[in-house]
Amino acid sequence: MSERERDTKGNWIDPDDAPEWPDEVWERAQISVGGKVIREATGTLTRRGRPPQGDAPKQQVTLRLPRHVLDHFKVGGAGWQTRIGEVLERHAEKAKRKSA
């Protein structure tokens, strides 16, 4: 097994020996009775990335861009997403000044 692969086979012999789940997992879990969802899940079990910073944290979005636009930014190497964000910020500021 390579270093990056995880051992997916459980080594528990007794299911009662399984680790306990913290309360926050149960608070966010979906609750179903007889196949009918009583309460939808809220959030995820894992928190990826760093916590939001400052009063106006960045928001994750999904955005489809033309291939040539992505290629243009990716040619510059790492940080291409930050560079796209900076261009969009400059455009938004320019539009804001223009409309004021």
PDB file of N, CA and C in Angstrom:
ATOM      1  N   MET A   1       0.851  -1.175   0.000  1.00  0.00           N
ATOM      2  CA  MET A   1       0.000   0.000   0.000  1.00  0.00           C
ATOM      3  C   MET A   1       0.896   1.238   0.000  1.00  0.00           C
ATOM      4  N   SER A   2       0.570   2.213  -0.845  1.00  0.00           N
ATOM      5  CA  SER A   2       1.389   3.419  -0.913  1.00  0.00           C
ATOM      6  C   SER A   2       1.133   4.295   0.306  1.00  0.00           C
ATOM      7  N   GLU A   3       1.986   5.282   0.464  1.00  0.00           N
ATOM      8  CA  GLU A   3       1.913   6.161   1.631  1.00  0.00           C
ATOM      9  C   GLU A   3       0.617   6.971   1.656  1.00  0.00           C
ATOM     10  N   ARG A   4       0.087   7.328   0.484  1.00  0.00           N
ATOM     11  CA  ARG A   4      -1.100   8.171   0.413  1.00  0.00           C
ATOM     12  C   ARG A   4      -2.404   7.396   0.583  1.00  0.00           C
ATOM     13  N   GLU A   5      -2.363   6.093   0.318  1.00  0.00           N
ATOM     14  CA  GLU A   5      -3.579   5.308   0.437  1.00  0.00           C
ATOM     15  C   GLU A   5      -3.885   5.032   1.900  1.00  0.00           C
ATOM     16  N   ARG A   6      -5.160   5.039   2.222  1.00  0.00           N
ATOM     17  CA  ARG A   6      -5.572   4.741   3.586  1.00  0.00           C
ATOM     18  C   ARG A   6      -6.055   3.304   3.663  1.00  0.00           C
ATOM     19  N   ASP A   7      -5.853   2.723   4.792  1.00  0.00           N
ATOM     20  CA  ASP A   7      -6.356   1.383   5.026  1.00  0.00           C
ATOM     21  C   ASP A   7      -7.856   1.495   5.269  1.00  0.00           C
ATOM     22  N   THR A   8      -8.663   1.017   4.319  1.00  0.00           N
ATOM     23  CA  THR A   8     -10.109   1.155   4.433  1.00  0.00           C
ATOM     24  C   THR A   8     -10.760  -0.022   5.119  1.00  0.00           C
ATOM     25  N   LYS A   9     -10.004  -1.046   5.385  1.00  0.00           N
ATOM     26  CA  LYS A   9     -10.564  -2.198   6.080  1.00  0.00           C
ATOM     27  C   LYS A   9     -10.524  -1.925   7.579  1.00  0.00           C
ATOM     28  N   GLY A  10     -11.674  -2.055   8.195  1.00  0.00           N
ATOM     29  CA  GLY A  10     -11.741  -1.830   9.626  1.00  0.00           C
ATOM     30  C   GLY A  10     -11.025  -2.940  10.379  1.00  0.00           C
ATOM     31  N   ASN A  11     -10.412  -2.591  11.469  1.00  0.00           N
ATOM     32  CA  ASN A  11      -9.749  -3.604  12.260  1.00  0.00           C
ATOM     33  C   ASN A  11     -10.513  -3.872  13.556  1.00  0.00           C
ATOM     34  N   TRP A  12     -11.787  -3.424  13.589  1.00  0.00           N
ATOM     35  CA  TRP A  12     -12.602  -3.680  14.755  1.00  0.00           C
ATOM     36  C   TRP A  12     -13.160  -5.095  14.694  1.00  0.00           C
ATOM     37  N   ILE A  13     -13.109  -5.746  15.787  1.00  0.00           N
ATOM     38  CA  ILE A  13     -13.695  -7.078  15.875  1.00  0.00           C
ATOM     39  C   ILE A  13     -15.108  -6.950  16.437  1.00  0.00           C
ATOM     40  N   ASP A  14     -15.267  -6.075  17.402  1.00  0.00           N
ATOM     41  CA  ASP A  14     -16.547  -5.881  18.060  1.00  0.00           C
ATOM     42  C   ASP A  14     -17.101  -4.510  17.680  1.00  0.00           C
ATOM     43  N   PRO A  15     -18.288  -4.414  17.023  1.00  0.00           N
ATOM     44  CA  PRO A  15     -18.833  -3.107  16.653  1.00  0.00           C
ATOM     45  C   PRO A  15     -19.090  -2.209  17.861  1.00  0.00           C
ATOM     46  N   ASP A  16     -19.275  -2.789  19.034  1.00  0.00           N
ATOM     47  CA  ASP A  16     -19.481  -1.975  20.233  1.00  0.00           C
ATOM     48  C   ASP A  16     -18.208  -1.254  20.647  1.00  0.00           C
ATOM     49  N   ASP A  17     -17.097  -1.628  20.026  1.00  0.00           N
ATOM     50  CA  ASP A  17     -15.805  -1.037  20.334  1.00  0.00           C
ATOM     51  C   ASP A  17     -15.544   0.217  19.488  1.00  0.00           C
ATOM     52  N   ALA A  18     -16.501   0.586  18.637  1.00  0.00           N
ATOM     53  CA  ALA A  18     -16.328   1.736  17.744  1.00  0.00           C
ATOM     54  C   ALA A  18     -16.236   3.034  18.542  1.00  0.00           C
ATOM     55  N   PRO A  19     -15.492   4.027  18.043  1.00  0.00           N
ATOM     56  CA  PRO A  19     -15.391   5.304  18.767  1.00  0.00           C
ATOM     57  C   PRO A  19     -16.739   6.018  18.792  1.00  0.00           C
ATOM     58  N   GLU A  20     -16.971   6.804  19.830  1.00  0.00           N
ATOM     59  CA  GLU A  20     -18.213   7.565  19.934  1.00  0.00           C
ATOM     60  C   GLU A  20     -18.142   8.796  19.055  1.00  0.00           C
ATOM     61  N   TRP A  21     -19.296   9.211  18.520  1.00  0.00           N
ATOM     62  CA  TRP A  21     -19.370  10.412  17.705  1.00  0.00           C
ATOM     63  C   TRP A  21     -19.660  11.600  18.607  1.00  0.00           C
ATOM     64  N   PRO A  22     -19.012  12.739  18.353  1.00  0.00           N
ATOM     65  CA  PRO A  22     -19.273  13.927  19.178  1.00  0.00           C
ATOM     66  C   PRO A  22     -20.694  14.453  18.945  1.00  0.00           C
ATOM     67  N   ASP A  23     -21.203  15.210  19.901  1.00  0.00           N
ATOM     68  CA  ASP A  23     -22.565  15.749  19.821  1.00  0.00           C
ATOM     69  C   ASP A  23     -22.787  16.589  18.571  1.00  0.00           C
ATOM     70  N   GLU A  24     -21.762  17.326  18.134  1.00  0.00           N
ATOM     71  CA  GLU A  24     -21.955  18.207  16.970  1.00  0.00           C
ATOM     72  C   GLU A  24     -22.278  17.418  15.704  1.00  0.00           C
ATOM     73  N   VAL A  25     -21.824  16.181  15.615  1.00  0.00           N
ATOM     74  CA  VAL A  25     -22.150  15.345  14.458  1.00  0.00           C
ATOM     75  C   VAL A  25     -23.644  15.047  14.468  1.00  0.00           C
ATOM     76  N   TRP A  26     -24.185  14.728  15.610  1.00  0.00           N
ATOM     77  CA  TRP A  26     -25.615  14.420  15.714  1.00  0.00           C
ATOM     78  C   TRP A  26     -26.459  15.666  15.484  1.00  0.00           C
ATOM     79  N   GLU A  27     -25.964  16.828  15.906  1.00  0.00           N
ATOM     80  CA  GLU A  27     -26.716  18.076  15.721  1.00  0.00           C
ATOM     81  C   GLU A  27     -26.861  18.437  14.250  1.00  0.00           C
ATOM     82  N   ARG A  28     -25.898  18.023  13.415  1.00  0.00           N
ATOM     83  CA  ARG A  28     -25.934  18.364  11.989  1.00  0.00           C
ATOM     84  C   ARG A  28     -26.481  17.232  11.123  1.00  0.00           C
ATOM     85  N   ALA A  29     -26.751  16.082  11.716  1.00  0.00           N
ATOM     86  CA  ALA A  29     -27.141  14.902  10.947  1.00  0.00           C
ATOM     87  C   ALA A  29     -28.567  15.007  10.409  1.00  0.00           C
ATOM     88  N   GLN A  30     -28.803  14.333   9.275  1.00  0.00           N
ATOM     89  CA  GLN A  30     -30.159  14.209   8.742  1.00  0.00           C
ATOM     90  C   GLN A  30     -30.890  13.158   9.564  1.00  0.00           C
ATOM     91  N   ILE A  31     -32.144  13.431   9.882  1.00  0.00           N
ATOM     92  CA  ILE A  31     -32.943  12.472  10.640  1.00  0.00           C
ATOM     93  C   ILE A  31     -34.051  11.960   9.737  1.00  0.00           C
ATOM     94  N   SER A  32     -34.132  10.633   9.599  1.00  0.00           N
ATOM     95  CA  SER A  32     -35.152   9.986   8.777  1.00  0.00           C
ATOM     96  C   SER A  32     -35.849   8.922   9.604  1.00  0.00           C
ATOM     97  N   VAL A  33     -37.164   8.812   9.395  1.00  0.00           N
ATOM     98  CA  VAL A  33     -37.937   7.748  10.040  1.00  0.00           C
ATOM     99  C   VAL A  33     -38.754   7.076   8.946  1.00  0.00           C
ATOM    100  N   GLY A  34     -38.534   5.783   8.770  1.00  0.00           N
ATOM    101  CA  GLY A  34     -39.266   5.031   7.759  1.00  0.00           C
ATOM    102  C   GLY A  34     -39.041   5.556   6.352  1.00  0.00           C
ATOM    103  N   GLY A  35     -37.851   6.065   6.073  1.00  0.00           N
ATOM    104  CA  GLY A  35     -37.539   6.587   4.742  1.00  0.00           C
ATOM    105  C   GLY A  35     -38.000   8.023   4.524  1.00  0.00           C
ATOM    106  N   LYS A  36     -38.728   8.608   5.474  1.00  0.00           N
ATOM    107  CA  LYS A  36     -39.194   9.990   5.361  1.00  0.00           C
ATOM    108  C   LYS A  36     -38.246  10.894   6.143  1.00  0.00           C
ATOM    109  N   VAL A  37     -37.746  11.929   5.478  1.00  0.00           N
ATOM    110  CA  VAL A  37     -36.808  12.852   6.122  1.00  0.00           C
ATOM    111  C   VAL A  37     -37.569  13.789   7.045  1.00  0.00           C
ATOM    112  N   ILE A  38     -37.209  13.748   8.313  1.00  0.00           N
ATOM    113  CA  ILE A  38     -37.843  14.616   9.310  1.00  0.00           C
ATOM    114  C   ILE A  38     -37.075  15.926   9.435  1.00  0.00           C
ATOM    115  N   ARG A  39     -35.725  15.830   9.384  1.00  0.00           N
ATOM    116  CA  ARG A  39     -34.886  17.022   9.454  1.00  0.00           C
ATOM    117  C   ARG A  39     -33.720  16.839   8.494  1.00  0.00           C
ATOM    118  N   GLU A  40     -33.526  17.817   7.615  1.00  0.00           N
ATOM    119  CA  GLU A  40     -32.409  17.780   6.676  1.00  0.00           C
ATOM    120  C   GLU A  40     -31.090  17.978   7.411  1.00  0.00           C
ATOM    121  N   ALA A  41     -30.038  17.476   6.825  1.00  0.00           N
ATOM    122  CA  ALA A  41     -28.701  17.681   7.376  1.00  0.00           C
ATOM    123  C   ALA A  41     -28.315  19.143   7.234  1.00  0.00           C
ATOM    124  N   THR A  42     -27.544  19.616   8.178  1.00  0.00           N
ATOM    125  CA  THR A  42     -27.041  20.988   8.107  1.00  0.00           C
ATOM    126  C   THR A  42     -25.523  20.931   8.113  1.00  0.00           C
ATOM    127  N   GLY A  43     -24.924  21.468   7.099  1.00  0.00           N
ATOM    128  CA  GLY A  43     -23.466  21.478   7.025  1.00  0.00           C
ATOM    129  C   GLY A  43     -22.898  20.140   6.627  1.00  0.00           C
ATOM    130  N   THR A  44     -21.622  19.980   6.868  1.00  0.00           N
ATOM    131  CA  THR A  44     -20.923  18.747   6.537  1.00  0.00           C
ATOM    132  C   THR A  44     -20.240  18.220   7.782  1.00  0.00           C
ATOM    133  N   LEU A  45     -19.745  17.019   7.683  1.00  0.00           N
ATOM    134  CA  LEU A  45     -19.045  16.453   8.826  1.00  0.00           C
ATOM    135  C   LEU A  45     -17.619  16.966   8.921  1.00  0.00           C
ATOM    136  N   THR A  46     -17.095  17.477   7.830  1.00  0.00           N
ATOM    137  CA  THR A  46     -15.741  18.010   7.860  1.00  0.00           C
ATOM    138  C   THR A  46     -15.783  19.494   7.546  1.00  0.00           C
ATOM    139  N   ARG A  47     -14.870  20.200   8.136  1.00  0.00           N
ATOM    140  CA  ARG A  47     -14.749  21.630   7.854  1.00  0.00           C
ATOM    141  C   ARG A  47     -13.453  21.821   7.100  1.00  0.00           C
ATOM    142  N   ARG A  48     -13.583  22.094   5.805  1.00  0.00           N
ATOM    143  CA  ARG A  48     -12.402  22.223   4.977  1.00  0.00           C
ATOM    144  C   ARG A  48     -11.918  23.663   4.959  1.00  0.00           C
ATOM    145  N   GLY A  49     -10.631  23.826   4.773  1.00  0.00           N
ATOM    146  CA  GLY A  49     -10.054  25.155   4.673  1.00  0.00           C
ATOM    147  C   GLY A  49      -9.977  25.865   6.009  1.00  0.00           C
ATOM    148  N   ARG A  50      -9.516  27.068   5.964  1.00  0.00           N
ATOM    149  CA  ARG A  50      -9.387  27.828   7.199  1.00  0.00           C
ATOM    150  C   ARG A  50     -10.714  28.512   7.517  1.00  0.00           C
ATOM    151  N   PRO A  51     -10.918  28.931   8.752  1.00  0.00           N
ATOM    152  CA  PRO A  51     -12.164  29.614   9.101  1.00  0.00           C
ATOM    153  C   PRO A  51     -12.216  30.994   8.443  1.00  0.00           C
ATOM    154  N   PRO A  52     -13.414  31.540   8.252  1.00  0.00           N
ATOM    155  CA  PRO A  52     -13.539  32.873   7.631  1.00  0.00           C
ATOM    156  C   PRO A  52     -12.749  33.913   8.414  1.00  0.00           C
ATOM    157  N   GLN A  53     -12.126  34.830   7.687  1.00  0.00           N
ATOM    158  CA  GLN A  53     -11.295  35.862   8.296  1.00  0.00           C
ATOM    159  C   GLN A  53     -11.961  37.222   8.140  1.00  0.00           C
ATOM    160  N   GLY A  54     -11.986  38.007   9.206  1.00  0.00           N
ATOM    161  CA  GLY A  54     -12.454  39.384   9.147  1.00  0.00           C
ATOM    162  C   GLY A  54     -13.971  39.521   9.140  1.00  0.00           C
ATOM    163  N   ASP A  55     -14.418  40.774   8.918  1.00  0.00           N
ATOM    164  CA  ASP A  55     -15.846  41.095   8.930  1.00  0.00           C
ATOM    165  C   ASP A  55     -16.553  40.677   7.653  1.00  0.00           C
ATOM    166  N   ALA A  56     -15.824  40.612   6.541  1.00  0.00           N
ATOM    167  CA  ALA A  56     -16.423  40.251   5.254  1.00  0.00           C
ATOM    168  C   ALA A  56     -15.618  39.100   4.644  1.00  0.00           C
ATOM    169  N   PRO A  57     -15.802  37.882   5.163  1.00  0.00           N
ATOM    170  CA  PRO A  57     -15.017  36.758   4.644  1.00  0.00           C
ATOM    171  C   PRO A  57     -15.386  36.439   3.199  1.00  0.00           C
ATOM    172  N   LYS A  58     -14.444  35.852   2.497  1.00  0.00           N
ATOM    173  CA  LYS A  58     -14.707  35.447   1.119  1.00  0.00           C
ATOM    174  C   LYS A  58     -15.762  34.357   1.115  1.00  0.00           C
ATOM    175  N   GLN A  59     -16.488  34.277   0.004  1.00  0.00           N
ATOM    176  CA  GLN A  59     -17.542  33.283  -0.134  1.00  0.00           C
ATOM    177  C   GLN A  59     -17.188  32.356  -1.285  1.00  0.00           C
ATOM    178  N   GLN A  60     -17.320  31.058  -1.070  1.00  0.00           N
ATOM    179  CA  GLN A  60     -17.019  30.100  -2.122  1.00  0.00           C
ATOM    180  C   GLN A  60     -18.178  30.040  -3.101  1.00  0.00           C
ATOM    181  N   VAL A  61     -17.847  30.067  -4.400  1.00  0.00           N
ATOM    182  CA  VAL A  61     -18.861  29.982  -5.451  1.00  0.00           C
ATOM    183  C   VAL A  61     -18.376  29.039  -6.545  1.00  0.00           C
ATOM    184  N   THR A  62     -19.308  28.600  -7.359  1.00  0.00           N
ATOM    185  CA  THR A  62     -18.966  27.826  -8.546  1.00  0.00           C
ATOM    186  C   THR A  62     -19.214  28.733  -9.738  1.00  0.00           C
ATOM    187  N   LEU A  63     -18.245  28.811 -10.625  1.00  0.00           N
ATOM    188  CA  LEU A  63     -18.317  29.747 -11.736  1.00  0.00           C
ATOM    189  C   LEU A  63     -17.767  29.084 -12.986  1.00  0.00           C
ATOM    190  N   ARG A  64     -18.507  29.147 -14.065  1.00  0.00           N
ATOM    191  CA  ARG A  64     -18.029  28.595 -15.333  1.00  0.00           C
ATOM    192  C   ARG A  64     -17.423  29.736 -16.156  1.00  0.00           C
ATOM    193  N   LEU A  65     -16.178  29.557 -16.544  1.00  0.00           N
ATOM    194  CA  LEU A  65     -15.474  30.563 -17.328  1.00  0.00           C
ATOM    195  C   LEU A  65     -15.012  29.953 -18.638  1.00  0.00           C
ATOM    196  N   PRO A  66     -14.868  30.783 -19.674  1.00  0.00           N
ATOM    197  CA  PRO A  66     -14.353  30.262 -20.947  1.00  0.00           C
ATOM    198  C   PRO A  66     -12.952  29.672 -20.759  1.00  0.00           C
ATOM    199  N   ARG A  67     -12.658  28.625 -21.504  1.00  0.00           N
ATOM    200  CA  ARG A  67     -11.376  27.919 -21.392  1.00  0.00           C
ATOM    201  C   ARG A  67     -10.210  28.881 -21.611  1.00  0.00           C
ATOM    202  N   HIS A  68     -10.309  29.780 -22.601  1.00  0.00           N
ATOM    203  CA  HIS A  68      -9.178  30.670 -22.884  1.00  0.00           C
ATOM    204  C   HIS A  68      -8.906  31.631 -21.725  1.00  0.00           C
ATOM    205  N   VAL A  69      -9.938  31.984 -20.975  1.00  0.00           N
ATOM    206  CA  VAL A  69      -9.747  32.857 -19.805  1.00  0.00           C
ATOM    207  C   VAL A  69      -8.988  32.098 -18.717  1.00  0.00           C
ATOM    208  N   LEU A  70      -9.406  30.857 -18.455  1.00  0.00           N
ATOM    209  CA  LEU A  70      -8.702  30.043 -17.464  1.00  0.00           C
ATOM    210  C   LEU A  70      -7.254  29.806 -17.867  1.00  0.00           C
ATOM    211  N   ASP A  71      -7.050  29.468 -19.139  1.00  0.00           N
ATOM    212  CA  ASP A  71      -5.688  29.225 -19.622  1.00  0.00           C
ATOM    213  C   ASP A  71      -4.804  30.449 -19.425  1.00  0.00           C
ATOM    214  N   HIS A  72      -5.376  31.626 -19.677  1.00  0.00           N
ATOM    215  CA  HIS A  72      -4.621  32.874 -19.519  1.00  0.00           C
ATOM    216  C   HIS A  72      -4.107  33.029 -18.082  1.00  0.00           C
ATOM    217  N   PHE A  73      -4.965  32.770 -17.106  1.00  0.00           N
ATOM    218  CA  PHE A  73      -4.571  32.935 -15.712  1.00  0.00           C
ATOM    219  C   PHE A  73      -3.689  31.793 -15.222  1.00  0.00           C
ATOM    220  N   LYS A  74      -3.935  30.577 -15.696  1.00  0.00           N
ATOM    221  CA  LYS A  74      -3.161  29.423 -15.245  1.00  0.00           C
ATOM    222  C   LYS A  74      -1.729  29.443 -15.761  1.00  0.00           C
ATOM    223  N   VAL A  75      -1.487  30.132 -16.869  1.00  0.00           N
ATOM    224  CA  VAL A  75      -0.127  30.234 -17.408  1.00  0.00           C
ATOM    225  C   VAL A  75       0.798  30.885 -16.373  1.00  0.00           C
ATOM    226  N   GLY A  76       0.253  31.771 -15.567  1.00  0.00           N
ATOM    227  CA  GLY A  76       1.041  32.461 -14.542  1.00  0.00           C
ATOM    228  C   GLY A  76       1.402  31.574 -13.353  1.00  0.00           C
ATOM    229  N   GLY A  77       0.926  30.338 -13.334  1.00  0.00           N
ATOM    230  CA  GLY A  77       1.273  29.415 -12.250  1.00  0.00           C
ATOM    231  C   GLY A  77       0.341  29.524 -11.057  1.00  0.00           C
ATOM    232  N   ALA A  78       0.845  29.081  -9.911  1.00  0.00           N
ATOM    233  CA  ALA A  78       0.057  29.067  -8.678  1.00  0.00           C
ATOM    234  C   ALA A  78      -0.471  30.465  -8.367  1.00  0.00           C
ATOM    235  N   GLY A  79      -1.646  30.505  -7.762  1.00  0.00           N
ATOM    236  CA  GLY A  79      -2.264  31.785  -7.421  1.00  0.00           C
ATOM    237  C   GLY A  79      -3.208  32.304  -8.489  1.00  0.00           C
ATOM    238  N   TRP A  80      -3.517  31.464  -9.473  1.00  0.00           N
ATOM    239  CA  TRP A  80      -4.371  31.932 -10.569  1.00  0.00           C
ATOM    240  C   TRP A  80      -5.766  32.311 -10.089  1.00  0.00           C
ATOM    241  N   GLN A  81      -6.291  31.616  -9.083  1.00  0.00           N
ATOM    242  CA  GLN A  81      -7.620  31.961  -8.575  1.00  0.00           C
ATOM    243  C   GLN A  81      -7.593  33.318  -7.874  1.00  0.00           C
ATOM    244  N   THR A  82      -6.524  33.580  -7.142  1.00  0.00           N
ATOM    245  CA  THR A  82      -6.374  34.872  -6.476  1.00  0.00           C
ATOM    246  C   THR A  82      -6.292  35.987  -7.514  1.00  0.00           C
ATOM    247  N   ARG A  83      -5.547  35.737  -8.591  1.00  0.00           N
ATOM    248  CA  ARG A  83      -5.430  36.757  -9.646  1.00  0.00           C
ATOM    249  C   ARG A  83      -6.774  37.040 -10.300  1.00  0.00           C
ATOM    250  N   ILE A  84      -7.585  36.004 -10.529  1.00  0.00           N
ATOM    251  CA  ILE A  84      -8.923  36.227 -11.087  1.00  0.00           C
ATOM    252  C   ILE A  84      -9.737  37.070 -10.116  1.00  0.00           C
ATOM    253  N   GLY A  85      -9.655  36.750  -8.826  1.00  0.00           N
ATOM    254  CA  GLY A  85     -10.381  37.514  -7.813  1.00  0.00           C
ATOM    255  C   GLY A  85      -9.966  38.977  -7.796  1.00  0.00           C
ATOM    256  N   GLU A  86      -8.662  39.230  -7.943  1.00  0.00           N
ATOM    257  CA  GLU A  86      -8.163  40.611  -7.942  1.00  0.00           C
ATOM    258  C   GLU A  86      -8.689  41.387  -9.143  1.00  0.00           C
ATOM    259  N   VAL A  87      -8.723  40.745 -10.306  1.00  0.00           N
ATOM    260  CA  VAL A  87      -9.251  41.407 -11.508  1.00  0.00           C
ATOM    261  C   VAL A  87     -10.728  41.741 -11.303  1.00  0.00           C
ATOM    262  N   LEU A  88     -11.483  40.810 -10.746  1.00  0.00           N
ATOM    263  CA  LEU A  88     -12.908  41.054 -10.510  1.00  0.00           C
ATOM    264  C   LEU A  88     -13.111  42.163  -9.476  1.00  0.00           C
ATOM    265  N   GLU A  89     -12.272  42.209  -8.440  1.00  0.00           N
ATOM    266  CA  GLU A  89     -12.368  43.279  -7.443  1.00  0.00           C
ATOM    267  C   GLU A  89     -12.109  44.644  -8.077  1.00  0.00           C
ATOM    268  N   ARG A  90     -11.051  44.723  -8.909  1.00  0.00           N
ATOM    269  CA  ARG A  90     -10.756  45.998  -9.579  1.00  0.00           C
ATOM    270  C   ARG A  90     -11.923  46.436 -10.455  1.00  0.00           C
ATOM    271  N   HIS A  91     -12.510  45.483 -11.177  1.00  0.00           N
ATOM    272  CA  HIS A  91     -13.642  45.811 -12.046  1.00  0.00           C
ATOM    273  C   HIS A  91     -14.829  46.304 -11.212  1.00  0.00           C
ATOM    274  N   ALA A  92     -15.108  45.633 -10.087  1.00  0.00           N
ATOM    275  CA  ALA A  92     -16.236  46.032  -9.246  1.00  0.00           C
ATOM    276  C   ALA A  92     -16.017  47.424  -8.663  1.00  0.00           C
ATOM    277  N   GLU A  93     -14.793  47.724  -8.239  1.00  0.00           N
ATOM    278  CA  GLU A  93     -14.485  49.051  -7.697  1.00  0.00           C
ATOM    279  C   GLU A  93     -14.629  50.128  -8.766  1.00  0.00           C
ATOM    280  N   LYS A  94     -14.152  49.827  -9.970  1.00  0.00           N
ATOM    281  CA  LYS A  94     -14.251  50.775 -11.080  1.00  0.00           C
ATOM    282  C   LYS A  94     -15.723  51.046 -11.412  1.00  0.00           C
ATOM    283  N   ALA A  95     -16.532  49.995 -11.455  1.00  0.00           N
ATOM    284  CA  ALA A  95     -17.963  50.143 -11.750  1.00  0.00           C
ATOM    285  C   ALA A  95     -18.657  50.925 -10.642  1.00  0.00           C
ATOM    286  N   LYS A  96     -18.237  50.708  -9.403  1.00  0.00           N
ATOM    287  CA  LYS A  96     -18.817  51.411  -8.264  1.00  0.00           C
ATOM    288  C   LYS A  96     -18.532  52.911  -8.344  1.00  0.00           C
ATOM    289  N   ARG A  97     -17.273  53.260  -8.672  1.00  0.00           N
ATOM    290  CA  ARG A  97     -16.912  54.688  -8.801  1.00  0.00           C
ATOM    291  C   ARG A  97     -17.655  55.330  -9.972  1.00  0.00           C
ATOM    292  N   LYS A  98     -17.819  54.581 -11.030  1.00  0.00           N
ATOM    293  CA  LYS A  98     -18.482  55.097 -12.227  1.00  0.00           C
ATOM    294  C   LYS A  98     -19.955  55.387 -11.964  1.00  0.00           C
ATOM    295  N   SER A  99     -20.615  54.557 -11.161  1.00  0.00           N
ATOM    296  CA  SER A  99     -22.040  54.730 -10.900  1.00  0.00           C
ATOM    297  C   SER A  99     -22.310  55.762  -9.785  1.00  0.00           C
ATOM    298  N   ALA A 100     -21.278  56.141  -9.048  1.00  0.00           N
ATOM    299  CA  ALA A 100     -21.479  57.099  -7.942  1.00  0.00           C
ATOM    300  C   ALA A 100     -21.471  58.525  -8.403  1.00  0.00           C
TER     301      ALA A 100
END
